């Protein structure tokens, strides 16, 4: 008996087609690029289990974790978000029109063996800071700390300080000589040559 099924069997075919893909220029890519937080988070989760080296410019955007408005930061970061052997170099400041007391600029260098920032505060272990501030007066920051950090509005440090200043910075008056002095204003602190303790009322303004 003849098998009629084979009479209707179609031959297998393959379609070969050339795909034309235009590669955009760098300018076209940057103009059309849209930040996708879900994709960014997926990369973060992918690297969470790996110790990685972090580096790059900080340019005052939401991804910037540097302490300066414009600066550069180099560190080793582990899966818990701790930065090891962190070094930051940059400039900071505030220029508010018609508010002369709040206009200041600073250039500085900071380093720490460990640097961690969490949702309620941060801590640096074995750190050093060197900077020059000018604007409403002048100030020189020079200190080495065993530990420094903040928890909520409370800030403090323990180490050796030679900070000297007579200026207005961050809406606060700073009067210090050889590490000893006070800060009064948005920030209120008592400073000594072996550490400081205070409160930053600007914490409540962020809420």
N, C-alpha and C. Protein backbone atom coordinates (compact mmCIF):
# COMPACT_ATOMS: atom_id res chain seq x y z
N UNK A 1 0.85 -1.19 0.00
CA UNK A 1 0.00 0.00 0.00
C UNK A 1 0.89 1.25 0.00
N UNK A 2 0.53 2.23 -0.86
CA UNK A 2 1.36 3.43 -1.01
C UNK A 2 1.09 4.41 0.13
N UNK A 3 2.15 4.97 0.66
CA UNK A 3 2.02 5.98 1.71
C UNK A 3 1.90 7.35 1.05
N UNK A 4 0.67 7.90 1.07
CA UNK A 4 0.40 9.19 0.41
C UNK A 4 0.89 10.38 1.21
N UNK A 5 1.29 10.17 2.45
CA UNK A 5 1.75 11.30 3.25
C UNK A 5 3.00 11.93 2.67
N UNK A 6 3.86 11.11 2.03
CA UNK A 6 5.10 11.64 1.48
C UNK A 6 4.86 12.54 0.29
N UNK A 7 3.65 12.40 -0.36
CA UNK A 7 3.35 13.22 -1.53
C UNK A 7 3.17 14.68 -1.16
N UNK A 8 2.80 14.93 0.10
CA UNK A 8 2.51 16.30 0.52
C UNK A 8 3.60 16.88 1.42
N UNK A 9 4.69 16.20 1.57
CA UNK A 9 5.77 16.67 2.42
C UNK A 9 6.57 17.76 1.70
N UNK A 10 6.64 18.95 2.31
CA UNK A 10 7.33 20.08 1.70
C UNK A 10 8.83 20.00 2.00
N UNK A 11 9.64 20.39 1.08
CA UNK A 11 11.09 20.36 1.34
C UNK A 11 11.46 21.43 2.36
N UNK A 12 12.48 21.13 3.15
CA UNK A 12 12.95 22.09 4.13
C UNK A 12 13.71 23.20 3.43
N UNK A 13 13.45 24.44 3.90
CA UNK A 13 14.11 25.59 3.29
C UNK A 13 14.77 26.44 4.38
N UNK A 14 15.77 27.19 4.00
CA UNK A 14 16.45 28.10 4.90
C UNK A 14 16.51 29.48 4.25
N UNK A 15 16.29 30.51 5.07
CA UNK A 15 16.35 31.88 4.58
C UNK A 15 17.65 32.51 5.04
N UNK A 16 18.41 32.96 4.12
CA UNK A 16 19.66 33.63 4.41
C UNK A 16 19.50 35.10 4.06
N UNK A 17 19.67 35.95 5.06
CA UNK A 17 19.45 37.37 4.85
C UNK A 17 20.53 38.17 5.56
N UNK A 18 21.04 39.18 4.92
CA UNK A 18 22.06 40.02 5.51
C UNK A 18 21.41 41.09 6.38
N UNK A 19 21.84 41.18 7.62
CA UNK A 19 21.31 42.18 8.54
C UNK A 19 22.16 43.43 8.45
N UNK A 20 21.49 44.54 8.23
CA UNK A 20 22.19 45.82 8.15
C UNK A 20 22.04 46.55 9.49
N UNK A 21 23.13 46.71 10.18
CA UNK A 21 23.13 47.36 11.49
C UNK A 21 24.01 48.61 11.43
N UNK A 22 23.43 49.73 11.73
CA UNK A 22 24.18 50.97 11.74
C UNK A 22 24.67 51.25 13.16
N UNK A 23 25.95 51.45 13.30
CA UNK A 23 26.53 51.74 14.61
C UNK A 23 26.56 53.26 14.79
N UNK A 24 25.87 53.75 15.84
CA UNK A 24 25.84 55.21 16.04
C UNK A 24 27.19 55.74 16.49
N UNK A 25 27.43 57.01 16.21
CA UNK A 25 28.64 57.65 16.68
C UNK A 25 28.54 57.89 18.18
N UNK A 26 29.68 58.22 18.79
CA UNK A 26 29.67 58.46 20.23
C UNK A 26 28.75 59.61 20.60
N UNK A 27 28.74 60.66 19.78
CA UNK A 27 27.88 61.81 20.05
C UNK A 27 26.40 61.43 19.96
N UNK A 28 26.05 60.63 18.93
CA UNK A 28 24.66 60.19 18.78
C UNK A 28 24.24 59.30 19.95
N UNK A 29 25.18 58.45 20.41
CA UNK A 29 24.86 57.56 21.52
C UNK A 29 24.60 58.34 22.80
N UNK A 30 25.48 59.32 23.11
CA UNK A 30 25.32 60.09 24.34
C UNK A 30 24.07 60.97 24.31
N UNK A 31 23.69 61.43 23.11
CA UNK A 31 22.49 62.27 23.01
C UNK A 31 21.21 61.47 23.18
N UNK A 32 21.24 60.20 22.79
CA UNK A 32 20.02 59.37 22.85
C UNK A 32 19.99 58.43 24.05
N UNK A 33 21.10 58.38 24.82
CA UNK A 33 21.18 57.43 25.93
C UNK A 33 20.22 57.81 27.05
N UNK A 34 19.53 56.84 27.58
CA UNK A 34 18.63 57.05 28.71
C UNK A 34 19.04 56.11 29.83
N UNK A 35 19.23 56.69 31.02
CA UNK A 35 19.64 55.90 32.19
C UNK A 35 18.50 54.98 32.62
N UNK A 36 18.79 53.70 32.75
CA UNK A 36 17.80 52.72 33.18
C UNK A 36 18.24 52.17 34.54
N UNK A 37 17.50 52.53 35.59
CA UNK A 37 17.89 52.13 36.94
C UNK A 37 17.85 50.62 37.12
N UNK A 38 16.90 49.94 36.45
CA UNK A 38 16.80 48.48 36.58
C UNK A 38 18.05 47.79 36.03
N UNK A 39 18.53 48.30 34.88
CA UNK A 39 19.74 47.72 34.29
C UNK A 39 20.94 47.99 35.18
N UNK A 40 21.01 49.23 35.71
CA UNK A 40 22.13 49.58 36.60
C UNK A 40 22.13 48.70 37.84
N UNK A 41 20.94 48.44 38.39
CA UNK A 41 20.85 47.59 39.58
C UNK A 41 21.25 46.16 39.26
N UNK A 42 20.94 45.70 38.04
CA UNK A 42 21.30 44.33 37.67
C UNK A 42 22.81 44.16 37.61
N UNK A 43 23.51 45.19 37.11
CA UNK A 43 24.97 45.14 37.10
C UNK A 43 25.51 45.13 38.53
N UNK A 44 24.86 45.92 39.40
CA UNK A 44 25.30 45.96 40.80
C UNK A 44 25.14 44.60 41.46
N UNK A 45 24.00 43.96 41.24
CA UNK A 45 23.76 42.64 41.84
C UNK A 45 24.72 41.60 41.27
N UNK A 46 25.05 41.74 39.99
CA UNK A 46 25.96 40.80 39.36
C UNK A 46 27.34 40.84 39.97
N UNK A 47 27.75 42.04 40.40
CA UNK A 47 29.09 42.21 40.95
C UNK A 47 29.15 42.18 42.47
N UNK A 48 27.98 41.99 43.09
CA UNK A 48 27.93 42.04 44.55
C UNK A 48 28.81 40.98 45.20
N UNK A 49 28.91 39.82 44.57
CA UNK A 49 29.66 38.72 45.17
C UNK A 49 31.14 38.76 44.80
N UNK A 50 31.57 39.81 44.15
CA UNK A 50 32.96 39.88 43.74
C UNK A 50 33.61 41.11 44.34
N UNK A 51 34.84 40.95 44.76
CA UNK A 51 35.60 42.13 45.20
C UNK A 51 36.07 42.84 43.94
N UNK A 52 35.82 44.15 43.88
CA UNK A 52 36.13 44.87 42.67
C UNK A 52 36.83 46.18 42.99
N UNK A 53 37.52 46.69 42.01
CA UNK A 53 38.18 47.99 42.14
C UNK A 53 37.26 49.05 41.57
N UNK A 54 37.04 50.10 42.35
CA UNK A 54 36.20 51.20 41.87
C UNK A 54 37.05 52.42 41.65
N UNK A 55 36.70 53.17 40.63
CA UNK A 55 37.45 54.38 40.34
C UNK A 55 36.61 55.25 39.43
N UNK A 56 37.07 56.44 39.16
CA UNK A 56 36.42 57.28 38.18
C UNK A 56 36.08 58.64 38.71
N UNK A 57 35.68 59.53 37.80
CA UNK A 57 35.36 60.90 38.20
C UNK A 57 34.03 60.99 38.93
N UNK A 58 33.93 61.89 39.87
CA UNK A 58 32.69 62.18 40.56
C UNK A 58 32.26 63.57 40.11
N UNK A 59 31.10 63.69 39.52
CA UNK A 59 30.68 64.96 38.95
C UNK A 59 29.33 65.37 39.50
N UNK A 60 29.13 65.22 40.79
CA UNK A 60 27.94 65.72 41.47
C UNK A 60 26.65 65.21 40.85
N UNK A 61 26.56 63.91 40.54
CA UNK A 61 25.29 63.35 40.08
C UNK A 61 24.85 62.31 41.09
N UNK A 62 23.71 61.65 40.82
CA UNK A 62 23.15 60.75 41.82
C UNK A 62 23.99 59.50 42.02
N UNK A 63 24.91 59.23 41.08
CA UNK A 63 25.78 58.07 41.24
C UNK A 63 27.08 58.42 41.95
N UNK A 64 27.29 59.70 42.22
CA UNK A 64 28.53 60.14 42.83
C UNK A 64 28.52 59.86 44.33
N UNK A 65 29.60 59.25 44.79
CA UNK A 65 29.70 58.95 46.22
C UNK A 65 30.92 59.64 46.81
N UNK A 66 31.48 60.55 46.07
CA UNK A 66 32.65 61.29 46.52
C UNK A 66 32.20 62.41 47.45
N UNK A 67 33.10 62.85 48.35
CA UNK A 67 32.76 63.92 49.28
C UNK A 67 32.88 65.31 48.66
N UNK A 68 33.36 65.38 47.42
CA UNK A 68 33.55 66.66 46.76
C UNK A 68 32.54 66.83 45.63
N UNK A 69 32.21 68.10 45.32
CA UNK A 69 31.32 68.37 44.20
C UNK A 69 31.96 67.91 42.90
N UNK A 70 33.23 68.18 42.75
CA UNK A 70 33.97 67.76 41.55
C UNK A 70 35.28 67.16 42.00
N UNK A 71 35.47 65.88 41.71
CA UNK A 71 36.68 65.25 42.21
C UNK A 71 36.93 63.91 41.58
N UNK A 72 37.91 63.21 42.12
CA UNK A 72 38.26 61.87 41.66
C UNK A 72 38.47 60.99 42.88
N UNK A 73 38.04 59.76 42.75
CA UNK A 73 38.04 58.84 43.88
C UNK A 73 38.55 57.49 43.44
N UNK A 74 39.44 56.90 44.23
CA UNK A 74 39.98 55.57 43.95
C UNK A 74 39.83 54.72 45.20
N UNK A 75 39.39 53.46 45.04
CA UNK A 75 39.17 52.60 46.20
C UNK A 75 39.02 51.15 45.78
N UNK A 76 39.06 50.28 46.73
CA UNK A 76 38.67 48.88 46.57
C UNK A 76 37.37 48.69 47.33
N UNK A 77 36.40 48.08 46.69
CA UNK A 77 35.07 47.95 47.30
C UNK A 77 34.68 46.48 47.40
N UNK A 78 34.21 46.08 48.59
CA UNK A 78 33.80 44.68 48.75
C UNK A 78 32.28 44.55 48.58
N UNK A 79 31.77 43.33 48.74
CA UNK A 79 30.35 43.06 48.48
C UNK A 79 29.43 43.72 49.49
N UNK A 80 29.96 44.17 50.61
CA UNK A 80 29.13 44.84 51.62
C UNK A 80 29.10 46.36 51.44
N UNK A 81 29.73 46.85 50.39
CA UNK A 81 29.72 48.28 50.13
C UNK A 81 30.79 49.05 50.88
N UNK A 82 31.73 48.36 51.51
CA UNK A 82 32.81 49.02 52.24
C UNK A 82 33.92 49.39 51.27
N UNK A 83 34.39 50.62 51.36
CA UNK A 83 35.50 51.07 50.53
C UNK A 83 36.80 50.94 51.33
N UNK A 84 37.76 50.25 50.74
CA UNK A 84 39.05 50.06 51.39
C UNK A 84 40.11 50.89 50.65
N UNK A 85 41.03 51.47 51.42
CA UNK A 85 42.12 52.26 50.87
C UNK A 85 41.56 53.34 49.93
N UNK A 86 40.64 54.11 50.48
CA UNK A 86 39.93 55.14 49.73
C UNK A 86 40.73 56.45 49.69
N UNK A 87 40.91 57.00 48.51
CA UNK A 87 41.56 58.29 48.35
C UNK A 87 40.69 59.18 47.48
N UNK A 88 40.45 60.40 47.95
CA UNK A 88 39.62 61.35 47.22
C UNK A 88 40.37 62.68 47.08
N UNK A 89 40.28 63.25 45.90
CA UNK A 89 40.92 64.54 45.61
C UNK A 89 39.94 65.37 44.82
N UNK A 90 39.67 66.60 45.28
CA UNK A 90 38.71 67.40 44.54
C UNK A 90 38.51 68.79 45.09
N UNK A 91 37.48 69.44 44.57
CA UNK A 91 37.10 70.77 45.01
C UNK A 91 35.65 70.75 45.46
N UNK A 92 35.34 71.59 46.40
CA UNK A 92 34.00 71.67 46.96
C UNK A 92 33.66 73.14 47.16
N UNK A 93 32.40 73.42 47.44
CA UNK A 93 32.05 74.80 47.69
C UNK A 93 30.58 75.07 47.51
N UNK A 94 30.22 76.33 47.67
CA UNK A 94 28.83 76.77 47.52
C UNK A 94 28.83 78.23 47.11
N UNK A 95 28.17 78.51 46.01
CA UNK A 95 28.02 79.89 45.54
C UNK A 95 26.52 80.15 45.38
N UNK A 96 25.93 80.77 46.38
CA UNK A 96 24.51 81.07 46.38
C UNK A 96 24.33 82.56 46.09
N UNK A 97 23.65 82.91 44.98
CA UNK A 97 23.46 84.33 44.66
C UNK A 97 22.77 85.08 45.79
N UNK A 98 23.24 86.31 46.03
CA UNK A 98 22.64 87.20 47.04
C UNK A 98 22.76 86.66 48.46
N UNK A 99 23.60 85.66 48.67
CA UNK A 99 23.85 85.14 50.02
C UNK A 99 25.35 85.08 50.24
N UNK A 100 25.95 86.23 50.40
CA UNK A 100 27.41 86.30 50.52
C UNK A 100 27.97 85.44 51.65
N UNK A 101 27.29 85.37 52.82
CA UNK A 101 27.87 84.53 53.89
C UNK A 101 27.96 83.06 53.55
N UNK A 102 27.26 82.62 52.51
CA UNK A 102 27.28 81.20 52.19
C UNK A 102 28.08 80.91 50.93
N UNK A 103 28.98 81.82 50.55
CA UNK A 103 29.81 81.61 49.38
C UNK A 103 31.22 81.22 49.82
N UNK A 104 31.65 80.04 49.45
CA UNK A 104 32.97 79.56 49.83
C UNK A 104 33.44 78.50 48.84
N UNK A 105 34.71 78.27 48.82
CA UNK A 105 35.30 77.26 47.94
C UNK A 105 36.44 76.57 48.69
N UNK A 106 36.64 75.29 48.36
CA UNK A 106 37.63 74.49 49.08
C UNK A 106 38.29 73.49 48.13
N UNK A 107 39.57 73.30 48.28
CA UNK A 107 40.30 72.25 47.58
C UNK A 107 40.89 71.32 48.62
N UNK A 108 40.73 70.02 48.42
CA UNK A 108 41.18 69.12 49.48
C UNK A 108 41.57 67.73 49.01
N UNK A 109 42.17 67.03 49.94
CA UNK A 109 42.57 65.64 49.75
C UNK A 109 42.21 64.88 51.01
N UNK A 110 41.56 63.75 50.84
CA UNK A 110 41.22 62.91 51.98
C UNK A 110 41.53 61.46 51.67
N UNK A 111 41.88 60.72 52.69
CA UNK A 111 42.21 59.31 52.51
C UNK A 111 41.79 58.53 53.75
N UNK A 112 41.51 57.27 53.58
CA UNK A 112 41.13 56.42 54.71
C UNK A 112 41.40 54.96 54.37
N UNK A 113 41.67 54.18 55.41
CA UNK A 113 41.85 52.74 55.21
C UNK A 113 40.50 52.08 54.98
N UNK A 114 39.47 52.53 55.72
CA UNK A 114 38.13 52.00 55.53
C UNK A 114 37.12 53.15 55.52
N UNK A 115 36.18 53.09 54.59
CA UNK A 115 35.17 54.12 54.45
C UNK A 115 33.83 53.45 54.15
N UNK A 116 32.86 53.66 55.04
CA UNK A 116 31.54 53.04 54.83
C UNK A 116 30.44 54.07 55.04
N UNK A 117 29.49 54.12 54.12
CA UNK A 117 28.33 55.00 54.24
C UNK A 117 27.06 54.15 54.20
N UNK A 118 26.23 54.32 55.23
CA UNK A 118 24.97 53.60 55.29
C UNK A 118 23.79 54.55 55.27
N UNK A 119 22.61 54.03 55.50
CA UNK A 119 21.39 54.84 55.46
C UNK A 119 21.27 55.79 56.64
N UNK A 120 21.92 55.47 57.76
CA UNK A 120 21.80 56.33 58.95
C UNK A 120 23.10 57.05 59.28
N UNK A 121 24.14 56.83 58.49
CA UNK A 121 25.41 57.50 58.78
C UNK A 121 26.58 56.83 58.10
N UNK A 122 27.77 57.21 58.51
CA UNK A 122 28.97 56.64 57.92
C UNK A 122 30.13 56.67 58.89
N UNK A 123 31.19 55.96 58.53
CA UNK A 123 32.36 55.91 59.40
C UNK A 123 33.61 55.75 58.54
N UNK A 124 34.69 56.42 58.96
CA UNK A 124 36.00 56.26 58.35
C UNK A 124 36.97 55.81 59.43
N UNK A 125 37.80 54.85 59.11
CA UNK A 125 38.78 54.33 60.06
C UNK A 125 40.18 54.61 59.52
N UNK A 126 41.03 55.16 60.38
CA UNK A 126 42.39 55.57 60.03
C UNK A 126 42.33 56.47 58.79
N UNK A 127 41.96 57.71 59.03
CA UNK A 127 41.75 58.64 57.93
C UNK A 127 42.59 59.90 58.11
N UNK A 128 42.75 60.62 57.01
CA UNK A 128 43.47 61.88 57.03
C UNK A 128 42.83 62.87 56.09
N UNK A 129 42.85 64.15 56.45
CA UNK A 129 42.24 65.19 55.63
C UNK A 129 43.18 66.39 55.55
N UNK A 130 43.30 66.93 54.35
CA UNK A 130 44.12 68.11 54.13
C UNK A 130 43.41 68.99 53.12
N UNK A 131 43.17 70.25 53.50
CA UNK A 131 42.45 71.12 52.60
C UNK A 131 42.62 72.59 52.94
N UNK A 132 42.28 73.42 51.97
CA UNK A 132 42.32 74.88 52.13
C UNK A 132 40.98 75.43 51.69
N UNK A 133 40.36 76.25 52.55
CA UNK A 133 39.05 76.82 52.27
C UNK A 133 39.15 78.34 52.26
N UNK A 134 38.48 78.98 51.30
CA UNK A 134 38.48 80.43 51.20
C UNK A 134 37.08 80.90 50.85
N UNK A 135 36.79 82.13 51.19
CA UNK A 135 35.48 82.71 50.91
C UNK A 135 35.22 83.80 51.91
N UNK A 136 34.39 83.53 52.89
CA UNK A 136 34.17 84.43 54.01
C UNK A 136 35.22 84.15 55.08
N UNK A 137 36.44 84.51 54.79
CA UNK A 137 37.54 84.16 55.68
C UNK A 137 38.34 83.03 55.07
N UNK A 138 39.24 82.47 55.85
CA UNK A 138 40.08 81.39 55.34
C UNK A 138 40.13 80.26 56.38
N UNK A 139 40.48 79.08 55.91
CA UNK A 139 40.61 77.95 56.82
C UNK A 139 41.55 76.91 56.26
N UNK A 140 42.28 76.25 57.14
CA UNK A 140 43.18 75.17 56.76
C UNK A 140 42.79 73.94 57.56
N UNK A 141 42.54 72.86 56.86
CA UNK A 141 42.18 71.59 57.51
C UNK A 141 43.36 70.64 57.42
N UNK A 142 43.81 70.16 58.56
CA UNK A 142 44.92 69.21 58.60
C UNK A 142 44.72 68.31 59.82
N UNK A 143 44.33 67.06 59.58
CA UNK A 143 44.08 66.15 60.69
C UNK A 143 44.31 64.71 60.28
N UNK A 144 44.62 63.90 61.27
CA UNK A 144 44.72 62.45 61.12
C UNK A 144 43.86 61.83 62.21
N UNK A 145 42.93 60.99 61.82
CA UNK A 145 41.97 60.44 62.77
C UNK A 145 42.05 58.92 62.86
N UNK A 146 41.91 58.45 64.08
CA UNK A 146 41.76 57.02 64.27
C UNK A 146 40.39 56.59 63.77
N UNK A 147 39.37 57.41 64.04
CA UNK A 147 38.03 57.15 63.56
C UNK A 147 37.28 58.48 63.44
N UNK A 148 36.44 58.61 62.45
CA UNK A 148 35.55 59.76 62.30
C UNK A 148 34.27 59.28 61.64
N UNK A 149 33.17 59.94 61.98
CA UNK A 149 31.92 59.49 61.39
C UNK A 149 30.73 60.30 61.84
N UNK A 150 29.56 59.83 61.40
CA UNK A 150 28.31 60.48 61.76
C UNK A 150 27.21 59.44 61.89
N UNK A 151 26.31 59.68 62.84
CA UNK A 151 25.13 58.85 63.02
C UNK A 151 23.94 59.80 63.13
N UNK A 152 23.08 59.79 62.12
CA UNK A 152 22.00 60.77 62.10
C UNK A 152 22.59 62.17 62.06
N UNK A 153 22.14 63.07 62.93
CA UNK A 153 22.68 64.43 62.94
C UNK A 153 23.98 64.58 63.73
N UNK A 154 24.41 63.54 64.43
CA UNK A 154 25.58 63.63 65.30
C UNK A 154 26.86 63.30 64.54
N UNK A 155 27.88 64.14 64.74
CA UNK A 155 29.16 63.96 64.05
C UNK A 155 30.29 64.00 65.08
N UNK A 156 31.38 63.32 64.77
CA UNK A 156 32.50 63.32 65.70
C UNK A 156 33.74 62.70 65.11
N UNK A 157 34.86 62.91 65.78
CA UNK A 157 36.12 62.34 65.33
C UNK A 157 37.04 62.16 66.53
N UNK A 158 38.01 61.25 66.38
CA UNK A 158 39.00 61.00 67.41
C UNK A 158 40.35 60.84 66.74
N UNK A 159 41.27 61.77 67.03
CA UNK A 159 42.57 61.70 66.39
C UNK A 159 43.43 62.90 66.76
N UNK A 160 44.23 63.36 65.83
CA UNK A 160 45.10 64.51 66.03
C UNK A 160 44.73 65.56 64.99
N UNK A 161 44.45 66.77 65.47
CA UNK A 161 43.99 67.83 64.57
C UNK A 161 44.79 69.11 64.77
N UNK A 162 45.08 69.77 63.64
CA UNK A 162 45.71 71.09 63.67
C UNK A 162 44.86 72.08 62.87
N UNK A 163 43.56 71.78 62.76
CA UNK A 163 42.68 72.64 61.99
C UNK A 163 42.72 74.08 62.51
N UNK A 164 42.86 75.00 61.58
CA UNK A 164 42.90 76.41 61.91
C UNK A 164 42.01 77.17 60.93
N UNK A 165 41.05 77.92 61.46
CA UNK A 165 40.12 78.60 60.56
C UNK A 165 39.45 79.78 61.25
N UNK A 166 39.07 80.73 60.41
CA UNK A 166 38.24 81.86 60.83
C UNK A 166 37.40 82.21 59.61
N UNK A 167 36.32 81.46 59.43
CA UNK A 167 35.52 81.63 58.22
C UNK A 167 34.09 81.15 58.44
N UNK A 168 33.29 81.36 57.41
CA UNK A 168 31.91 80.86 57.39
C UNK A 168 31.81 79.82 56.28
N UNK A 169 31.41 78.63 56.65
CA UNK A 169 31.31 77.52 55.71
C UNK A 169 30.09 76.68 56.08
N UNK A 170 29.32 76.28 55.07
CA UNK A 170 28.10 75.49 55.32
C UNK A 170 27.17 76.21 56.31
N UNK A 171 27.05 77.54 56.15
CA UNK A 171 26.17 78.34 57.01
C UNK A 171 26.56 78.23 58.49
N UNK A 172 27.85 78.02 58.72
CA UNK A 172 28.35 77.89 60.09
C UNK A 172 29.63 78.71 60.25
N UNK A 173 29.78 79.33 61.40
CA UNK A 173 30.98 80.09 61.73
C UNK A 173 31.99 79.17 62.38
N UNK A 174 33.21 79.15 61.82
CA UNK A 174 34.28 78.30 62.34
C UNK A 174 35.39 79.17 62.91
N UNK A 175 35.69 78.97 64.17
CA UNK A 175 36.80 79.66 64.82
C UNK A 175 37.68 78.61 65.49
N UNK A 176 38.81 78.32 64.87
CA UNK A 176 39.69 77.27 65.37
C UNK A 176 41.15 77.69 65.24
N UNK A 177 41.97 77.23 66.17
CA UNK A 177 43.41 77.47 66.12
C UNK A 177 44.13 76.26 66.68
N UNK A 178 44.93 75.62 65.83
CA UNK A 178 45.66 74.44 66.27
C UNK A 178 44.76 73.30 66.71
N UNK A 179 43.59 73.22 66.11
CA UNK A 179 42.64 72.15 66.45
C UNK A 179 41.60 72.54 67.47
N UNK A 180 41.89 73.57 68.26
CA UNK A 180 40.96 73.98 69.32
C UNK A 180 40.02 75.08 68.82
N UNK A 181 38.73 74.95 69.13
CA UNK A 181 37.80 75.99 68.73
C UNK A 181 36.36 75.51 68.75
N UNK A 182 35.51 76.28 68.08
CA UNK A 182 34.07 75.97 68.05
C UNK A 182 33.54 76.19 66.65
N UNK A 183 32.43 75.55 66.38
CA UNK A 183 31.66 75.76 65.16
C UNK A 183 30.23 76.08 65.59
N UNK A 184 29.68 77.18 65.08
CA UNK A 184 28.35 77.63 65.48
C UNK A 184 27.54 78.01 64.24
N UNK A 185 26.33 77.50 64.16
CA UNK A 185 25.47 77.80 63.03
C UNK A 185 24.62 76.60 62.69
N UNK A 186 24.57 76.28 61.39
CA UNK A 186 23.85 75.07 61.01
C UNK A 186 24.49 73.85 61.66
N UNK A 187 25.81 73.93 61.80
CA UNK A 187 26.55 72.92 62.54
C UNK A 187 27.01 73.53 63.86
N UNK A 188 26.89 72.77 64.93
CA UNK A 188 27.37 73.19 66.25
C UNK A 188 28.31 72.10 66.75
N UNK A 189 29.56 72.50 67.05
CA UNK A 189 30.54 71.50 67.46
C UNK A 189 31.59 72.13 68.37
N UNK A 190 32.15 71.28 69.21
CA UNK A 190 33.29 71.64 70.05
C UNK A 190 34.49 70.88 69.50
N UNK A 191 35.55 71.61 69.16
CA UNK A 191 36.71 71.01 68.51
C UNK A 191 37.95 71.09 69.40
N UNK A 192 38.71 70.03 69.45
CA UNK A 192 39.96 69.99 70.21
C UNK A 192 41.05 69.43 69.31
N UNK A 193 42.27 69.46 69.80
CA UNK A 193 43.40 68.94 69.02
C UNK A 193 43.41 67.41 68.98
N UNK A 194 42.53 66.77 69.76
CA UNK A 194 42.47 65.30 69.76
C UNK A 194 41.10 64.78 69.33
N UNK A 195 40.24 65.66 68.80
CA UNK A 195 38.96 65.19 68.31
C UNK A 195 37.89 66.25 68.40
N UNK A 196 36.69 65.92 67.96
CA UNK A 196 35.58 66.85 67.99
C UNK A 196 34.26 66.09 68.15
N UNK A 197 33.24 66.81 68.60
CA UNK A 197 31.90 66.24 68.71
C UNK A 197 30.90 67.35 68.46
N UNK A 198 29.83 67.03 67.74
CA UNK A 198 28.86 68.07 67.43
C UNK A 198 27.60 67.51 66.80
N UNK A 199 26.77 68.43 66.31
CA UNK A 199 25.51 68.07 65.69
C UNK A 199 25.32 68.93 64.45
N UNK A 200 24.83 68.31 63.39
CA UNK A 200 24.60 69.00 62.12
C UNK A 200 23.08 69.10 61.92
N UNK A 201 22.53 70.31 62.12
CA UNK A 201 21.10 70.50 61.97
C UNK A 201 20.65 70.43 60.52
N UNK A 202 21.61 70.45 59.59
CA UNK A 202 21.27 70.26 58.20
C UNK A 202 20.71 68.88 57.91
N UNK A 203 20.96 67.94 58.81
CA UNK A 203 20.41 66.58 58.67
C UNK A 203 18.90 66.60 58.63
N UNK A 204 18.29 67.47 59.42
CA UNK A 204 16.83 67.53 59.49
C UNK A 204 16.25 68.23 58.27
N UNK A 205 17.05 69.06 57.60
CA UNK A 205 16.57 69.75 56.40
C UNK A 205 16.49 68.82 55.20
N UNK A 206 17.19 67.67 55.27
CA UNK A 206 17.15 66.72 54.19
C UNK A 206 15.91 65.87 54.22
N UNK A 207 15.20 65.86 55.34
CA UNK A 207 14.04 65.01 55.48
C UNK A 207 12.89 65.52 54.61
